[in-house]
Structures are given as structure tokens and as C-alpha cells.
Amino acid sequence: MRTIQAAVVVGSMLATSASARAAAVKSRTVDYTIGDQAFEGILVYPQPNKGKIPGVLMVHNWLGISDETKKQAERVAKLGLAVFAVDVYGKGVRAKSPQEAKALAGKYKGDRKLFRERVMRGLEVLREQKEVDPGKTIAIGYCFGGTGVIELARAGADVQAVVSFHGGLDSPNPADGKNIKARVVALQGADDPFVKPEDIAAFQNEMRTNKVDWEMAVYGGAVHSFTDTSAGSDPKTGQAYDAKADQRSFEVLTELLTDLHFAKR
């Protein structure tokens, strides 16, 4: 475990090499079902692509799959990975306002079993794609999705790592930490008003108690949604884009992918 206060700087050489590797990407929608309910995710993958490549399960924010989800999926796919944006809410179910988003996200935050089932199904679908090496997978998520990937780990998912970007860190069932097999990375804004100090403490205690391989980076001055350009620029609202925290948190992800041999320097 390592806890990193303020900002994590991986180094300009890594960022430069990642930029140099950036490739064109393609995307397609992927229809699937859970029981009798239809879902529609998006797969984004680099072109040209030869053979099977590592896969990334991406869990959307509280709005559902949106332009922001697609943008982040393309950003990661350009590193040479296949990214599947899972549809937690269901085909055609997308929030049109913060009020709708709160209601939709609240349903799953209040029912972690259901939340895990939806994300687990997404992992299955990712592994079914012809471009993906099913033995090399990680999961990443943003806000609501950050909570989702931690729940995926708590469900015992066989992935190499999960990365939560400004996600909720509450620990409703701390004993579930014993199921975690993956490395857990939490990337948080130091001034995020939606993540309570007691939730951070509970999360850290859960990780320590269960001897999880975990780390946390905390970005000074950043609030909620610091990776989302559509969140505005006023930290006083509690959520705002922060270019520095966005860049540095993405460098942490890139470093992790390098460590796992999913990407090259």
C-alpha cells in the first residue's frame, strides 16, 4: 500500500511515450442482456490491431453512458487497449438532469448486490469480444462508476486491477474486502465534498484489514469530477474539472498499465 498526498508525478518521459503510441480508434455498440432486460454498451479499440489485446472495463458516471464516457474510452483505447463501456442502467436509460441521475445512481448505491451484478455482466461481455485477451483485464470507473469498480473488486472479480476516479469510498460491507483479488487504486480530490472523511477512513481500514494491494492518490485543490471537462470550472460548486489532477491521475493509470505489462513505455 502507498498513500500519496498532493499530486503524483509519474514523469514526462512516460507521458511523451504514451502520446507517441496514440493510435486511431474504432468503436461499435454491443448489445447484450441480463435476464429479459436489454443493455447497450460501447467497445472502443485501436486500429490497426493485430491479435488479442488487454481489455479495460469502463463504468460510467451517474448520467449513464454519455459523450464523456466515449471520450474517456477513446483516451484509454489510444494506449493500445480495448475498452468496453458497460451499460449499468439499461438500453435507452440515460439521465437527462442531475435529478434523474441522482435517482438512477441511488438505486444501485442502495443495492450493492444489483450494482455488482450489472458490472460483473459487463466484465463477461468485455471478455467475449474477439479483440480482447480475457486473461488481461482491468476495470476503471468515474464518480458513480468509481464506486462500481470497487464493488466489482469486493465481489471477487478476477481482474488485475481496479481504478476509481473520484468515486465514492464508503464501505457498507467491510467484510467483503476479503474477496478482493485485484490491486485497488483510488484517485481522489482532496477537497471533494461528496466523499466524507469517515468514508475514506473506512475504505482504508477495509483495505488494511484484508491486506489488499492498494494505493490512493489525493490531489490538492481538486474537488469532485476533476476528470470531467463538462463539470465546469468553479470548485465552489463541489464538482469541477481540474486539468492538473486530470493529467496526473491519467499518468497513474498509465503507470499501472505499464507495471501490468498491458502497455509499453
Protein backbone atom coordinates (compact mmCIF):
# COMPACT_ATOMS: atom_id res chain seq x y z
CA MET A 1 0.00 0.00 0.00
CA ARG A 2 1.09 3.55 -0.64
CA THR A 3 -0.77 6.73 0.16
CA ILE A 4 0.26 9.74 -1.88
CA GLN A 5 -0.69 13.21 -0.69
CA ALA A 6 -0.97 16.21 -3.03
CA ALA A 7 -0.07 15.16 -6.60
CA VAL A 8 1.50 12.13 -8.18
CA VAL A 9 4.00 12.91 -10.92
CA VAL A 10 5.00 9.91 -12.97
CA GLY A 11 7.32 11.77 -15.32
CA SER A 12 7.29 13.48 -18.65
CA MET A 13 9.02 10.58 -20.43
CA LEU A 14 6.07 8.28 -19.71
CA ALA A 15 3.54 10.86 -20.87
CA THR A 16 5.56 11.53 -24.01
CA SER A 17 5.88 7.85 -24.90
CA ALA A 18 2.16 7.31 -24.30
CA SER A 19 1.41 10.20 -26.64
CA ALA A 20 3.74 8.75 -29.25
CA ARG A 21 1.89 5.42 -29.08
CA ALA A 22 -1.51 7.03 -29.51
CA ALA A 23 -3.38 5.27 -32.28
CA ALA A 24 -6.55 5.77 -34.22
CA VAL A 25 -9.52 4.04 -32.67
CA LYS A 26 -12.78 2.50 -33.83
CA SER A 27 -15.94 1.83 -31.87
CA ARG A 28 -19.07 -0.24 -32.04
CA THR A 29 -22.14 -0.71 -29.90
CA VAL A 30 -22.52 -4.07 -28.17
CA ASP A 31 -25.99 -5.31 -27.32
CA TYR A 32 -26.41 -7.81 -24.52
CA THR A 33 -28.99 -8.91 -21.99
CA ILE A 34 -29.41 -9.69 -18.33
CA GLY A 35 -32.48 -11.84 -17.96
CA ASP A 36 -35.08 -10.17 -20.17
CA GLN A 37 -33.62 -6.66 -19.95
CA ALA A 38 -31.66 -5.20 -22.85
CA PHE A 39 -28.40 -3.29 -22.46
CA GLU A 40 -26.19 -1.42 -24.91
CA GLY A 41 -22.51 -0.89 -24.19
CA ILE A 42 -19.75 0.53 -26.38
CA LEU A 43 -16.47 -1.11 -27.35
CA VAL A 44 -13.60 1.17 -28.37
CA TYR A 45 -10.40 -0.36 -29.69
CA PRO A 46 -7.25 0.74 -31.54
CA GLN A 47 -6.71 0.44 -35.27
CA PRO A 48 -4.87 -1.24 -36.78
CA ASN A 49 -4.99 -4.09 -34.30
CA LYS A 50 -3.37 -7.49 -34.66
CA GLY A 51 -4.28 -10.27 -32.28
CA LYS A 52 -5.90 -10.09 -28.88
CA ILE A 53 -5.08 -7.17 -26.60
CA PRO A 54 -5.68 -6.34 -22.93
CA GLY A 55 -9.20 -5.22 -22.05
CA VAL A 56 -10.49 -2.41 -19.89
CA LEU A 57 -13.97 -2.41 -18.38
CA MET A 58 -15.13 1.19 -18.00
CA VAL A 59 -18.02 2.11 -15.70
CA HIS A 60 -19.79 5.37 -16.49
CA ASN A 61 -20.69 8.24 -14.16
CA TRP A 62 -24.17 8.85 -12.77
CA LEU A 63 -25.53 10.06 -16.12
CA GLY A 64 -25.13 6.66 -17.75
CA ILE A 65 -23.18 6.19 -20.98
CA SER A 66 -22.62 9.66 -22.37
CA ASP A 67 -20.28 11.69 -24.56
CA GLU A 68 -17.98 11.91 -21.53
CA THR A 69 -17.85 8.11 -21.32
CA LYS A 70 -17.00 7.84 -25.00
CA LYS A 71 -14.28 10.48 -24.69
CA GLN A 72 -12.61 8.68 -21.78
CA ALA A 73 -12.91 5.31 -23.54
CA GLU A 74 -11.17 6.70 -26.63
CA ARG A 75 -8.45 8.23 -24.46
CA VAL A 76 -7.61 4.86 -22.92
CA ALA A 77 -8.02 2.87 -26.15
CA LYS A 78 -5.36 5.06 -27.76
CA LEU A 79 -2.86 3.49 -25.38
CA GLY A 80 -3.40 0.22 -27.23
CA LEU A 81 -6.23 -1.37 -25.25
CA ALA A 82 -9.78 -2.48 -25.93
CA VAL A 83 -12.23 -0.56 -23.73
CA PHE A 84 -15.77 -1.71 -23.07
CA ALA A 85 -18.10 0.88 -21.55
CA VAL A 86 -20.63 -1.17 -19.63
CA ASP A 87 -24.26 -0.04 -19.54
CA VAL A 88 -25.34 -0.26 -15.89
CA TYR A 89 -28.79 1.33 -16.33
CA GLY A 90 -30.16 -0.48 -19.38
CA LYS A 91 -30.61 0.32 -23.06
CA GLY A 92 -32.04 3.78 -23.59
CA VAL A 93 -31.97 4.63 -19.88
CA ARG A 94 -29.92 7.82 -19.65
CA ALA A 95 -30.24 10.66 -17.17
CA LYS A 96 -31.31 13.98 -18.67
CA SER A 97 -30.80 16.01 -15.50
CA PRO A 98 -28.95 15.86 -12.18
CA GLN A 99 -32.23 14.95 -10.50
CA GLU A 100 -32.73 11.94 -12.78
CA ALA A 101 -29.07 10.96 -12.34
CA LYS A 102 -29.38 11.08 -8.57
CA ALA A 103 -32.40 8.77 -8.66
CA LEU A 104 -30.77 6.31 -11.07
CA ALA A 105 -27.45 6.17 -9.26
CA GLY A 106 -29.17 5.99 -5.88
CA LYS A 107 -30.90 2.77 -6.86
CA TYR A 108 -27.57 0.99 -7.30
CA LYS A 109 -25.74 2.64 -4.43
CA GLY A 110 -28.58 1.40 -2.24
CA ASP A 111 -28.42 -2.11 -3.70
CA ARG A 112 -24.76 -3.10 -3.98
CA LYS A 113 -25.66 -6.67 -4.95
CA LEU A 114 -27.50 -5.41 -8.03
CA PHE A 115 -24.70 -2.96 -8.78
CA ARG A 116 -22.14 -5.77 -8.69
CA GLU A 117 -24.27 -7.98 -10.92
CA ARG A 118 -24.55 -5.27 -13.59
CA VAL A 119 -20.81 -4.57 -13.58
CA MET A 120 -19.89 -8.28 -13.45
CA ARG A 121 -22.03 -8.87 -16.54
CA GLY A 122 -20.13 -6.08 -18.26
CA LEU A 123 -16.86 -7.86 -17.47
CA GLU A 124 -18.23 -11.03 -19.08
CA VAL A 125 -19.20 -9.11 -22.20
CA LEU A 126 -15.76 -7.47 -22.38
CA ARG A 127 -14.09 -10.89 -22.29
CA GLU A 128 -16.37 -12.18 -25.04
CA GLN A 129 -15.15 -9.60 -27.56
CA LYS A 130 -12.87 -11.01 -30.27
CA GLU A 131 -10.30 -8.23 -29.78
CA VAL A 132 -9.80 -8.93 -26.08
CA ASP A 133 -7.37 -11.19 -24.26
CA PRO A 134 -9.71 -12.43 -21.49
CA GLY A 135 -6.79 -13.12 -19.15
CA LYS A 136 -5.64 -9.49 -19.17
CA THR A 137 -8.32 -7.17 -17.83
CA ILE A 138 -8.71 -4.23 -15.50
CA ALA A 139 -11.69 -2.06 -14.57
CA ILE A 140 -11.85 1.71 -14.25
CA GLY A 141 -14.72 3.98 -13.30
CA TYR A 142 -15.65 7.61 -12.79
CA CYS A 143 -17.72 9.00 -9.89
CA PHE A 144 -20.64 6.53 -9.68
CA GLY A 145 -18.51 4.21 -11.80
CA GLY A 146 -15.60 4.58 -9.39
CA THR A 147 -17.84 3.12 -6.71
CA GLY A 148 -18.83 0.41 -9.18
CA VAL A 149 -15.31 -0.86 -9.84
CA ILE A 150 -14.56 -1.08 -6.12
CA GLU A 151 -17.75 -3.12 -5.72
CA LEU A 152 -16.55 -5.31 -8.59
CA ALA A 153 -13.35 -5.97 -6.66
CA ARG A 154 -15.33 -6.68 -3.49
CA ALA A 155 -17.33 -9.24 -5.45
CA GLY A 156 -14.10 -11.14 -6.05
CA ALA A 157 -13.77 -10.37 -9.76
CA ASP A 158 -10.70 -11.91 -11.40
CA VAL A 159 -9.17 -8.72 -12.80
CA GLN A 160 -5.62 -7.47 -12.38
CA ALA A 161 -6.63 -4.07 -11.00
CA VAL A 162 -9.46 -1.62 -10.47
CA VAL A 163 -9.02 2.16 -10.66
CA SER A 164 -11.56 4.55 -9.15
CA PHE A 165 -11.51 8.16 -10.36
CA HIS A 166 -13.26 10.44 -7.82
CA GLY A 167 -15.54 7.59 -6.78
CA GLY A 168 -17.48 7.02 -3.59
CA LEU A 169 -15.39 5.19 -0.99
CA ASP A 170 -17.97 4.19 1.58
CA SER A 171 -17.66 0.65 2.85
CA PRO A 172 -21.16 -0.71 3.60
CA ASN A 173 -19.95 -4.32 3.94
CA PRO A 174 -16.31 -4.13 5.09
CA ALA A 175 -16.04 -7.92 5.41
CA ASP A 176 -16.36 -8.16 1.62
CA GLY A 177 -12.84 -6.80 1.42
CA LYS A 178 -11.65 -10.38 1.98
CA ASN A 179 -12.86 -11.22 -1.54
CA ILE A 180 -10.62 -8.68 -3.26
CA LYS A 181 -8.01 -10.22 -5.57
CA ALA A 182 -7.18 -7.13 -7.62
CA ARG A 183 -4.91 -4.19 -6.99
CA VAL A 184 -7.10 -1.28 -5.90
CA VAL A 185 -6.24 2.30 -6.88
CA ALA A 186 -8.32 5.22 -5.60
CA LEU A 187 -7.72 8.66 -7.13
CA GLN A 188 -9.42 11.41 -5.14
CA GLY A 189 -9.79 15.17 -4.99
CA ALA A 190 -8.54 16.46 -1.63
CA ASP A 191 -11.47 18.88 -1.42
CA ASP A 192 -14.23 16.60 -2.74
CA PRO A 193 -17.26 17.45 -0.57
CA PHE A 194 -19.11 14.30 -1.60
CA VAL A 195 -16.57 11.88 -0.14
CA LYS A 196 -16.69 12.11 3.65
CA PRO A 197 -13.57 11.73 5.79
CA GLU A 198 -15.21 8.86 7.64
CA ASP A 199 -15.78 7.05 4.32
CA ILE A 200 -12.12 7.46 3.39
CA ALA A 201 -11.11 6.13 6.80
CA ALA A 202 -13.47 3.15 6.47
CA PHE A 203 -12.14 2.37 2.99
CA GLN A 204 -8.54 2.49 4.13
CA ASN A 205 -9.31 0.33 7.16
CA GLU A 206 -11.07 -2.23 4.93
CA MET A 207 -8.04 -2.37 2.63
CA ARG A 208 -5.59 -2.74 5.53
CA THR A 209 -7.65 -5.28 7.46
CA ASN A 210 -7.93 -7.52 4.41
CA LYS A 211 -4.31 -7.00 3.30
CA VAL A 212 -5.33 -5.69 -0.10
CA ASP A 213 -2.69 -4.39 -2.51
CA TRP A 214 -3.93 -0.81 -2.63
CA GLU A 215 -2.90 2.77 -3.12
CA MET A 216 -4.51 6.19 -3.00
CA ALA A 217 -3.53 9.46 -4.65
CA VAL A 218 -5.06 12.66 -3.29
CA TYR A 219 -4.88 15.79 -5.43
CA GLY A 220 -4.68 19.09 -3.59
CA GLY A 221 -7.29 21.68 -4.58
CA ALA A 222 -9.32 19.21 -6.66
CA VAL A 223 -13.00 18.56 -5.99
CA HIS A 224 -15.45 16.01 -7.41
CA SER A 225 -15.47 15.18 -11.15
CA PHE A 226 -11.95 16.51 -11.71
CA THR A 227 -11.55 14.46 -14.93
CA ASP A 228 -14.79 15.70 -16.49
CA THR A 229 -14.49 18.80 -18.70
CA SER A 230 -18.28 19.20 -18.70
CA ALA A 231 -18.28 19.67 -14.90
CA GLY A 232 -17.41 23.36 -15.20
CA SER A 233 -14.53 25.24 -13.66
CA ASP A 234 -15.88 26.51 -10.34
CA PRO A 235 -14.66 24.38 -7.39
CA LYS A 236 -17.16 26.17 -5.14
CA THR A 237 -19.93 24.05 -6.67
CA GLY A 238 -18.25 20.92 -5.32
CA GLN A 239 -17.55 19.49 -8.75
CA ALA A 240 -15.26 20.96 -11.37
CA TYR A 241 -12.72 19.96 -13.98
CA ASP A 242 -9.11 20.24 -12.83
CA ALA A 243 -6.59 19.90 -15.65
CA LYS A 244 -3.65 19.18 -13.38
CA ALA A 245 -5.44 16.47 -11.39
CA ASP A 246 -6.84 15.02 -14.62
CA GLN A 247 -3.39 14.75 -16.18
CA ARG A 248 -1.72 13.34 -13.09
CA SER A 249 -4.42 10.79 -12.40
CA PHE A 250 -4.22 9.59 -16.00
CA GLU A 251 -0.46 9.23 -15.56
CA VAL A 252 -1.12 6.96 -12.57
CA LEU A 253 -3.35 4.81 -14.78
CA THR A 254 -0.69 4.73 -17.48
CA GLU A 255 1.96 3.73 -14.97
CA LEU A 256 -0.26 0.93 -13.69
CA LEU A 257 -0.82 -0.37 -17.23
CA THR A 258 2.95 -0.38 -17.74
CA ASP A 259 3.51 -2.25 -14.48
CA LEU A 260 0.97 -4.87 -15.55
CA HIS A 261 2.62 -5.16 -18.99
CA PHE A 262 -0.63 -4.02 -20.61
CA ALA A 263 1.16 -1.06 -22.21
CA LYS A 264 4.75 -0.20 -23.02
CA ARG A 265 6.80 2.84 -22.05
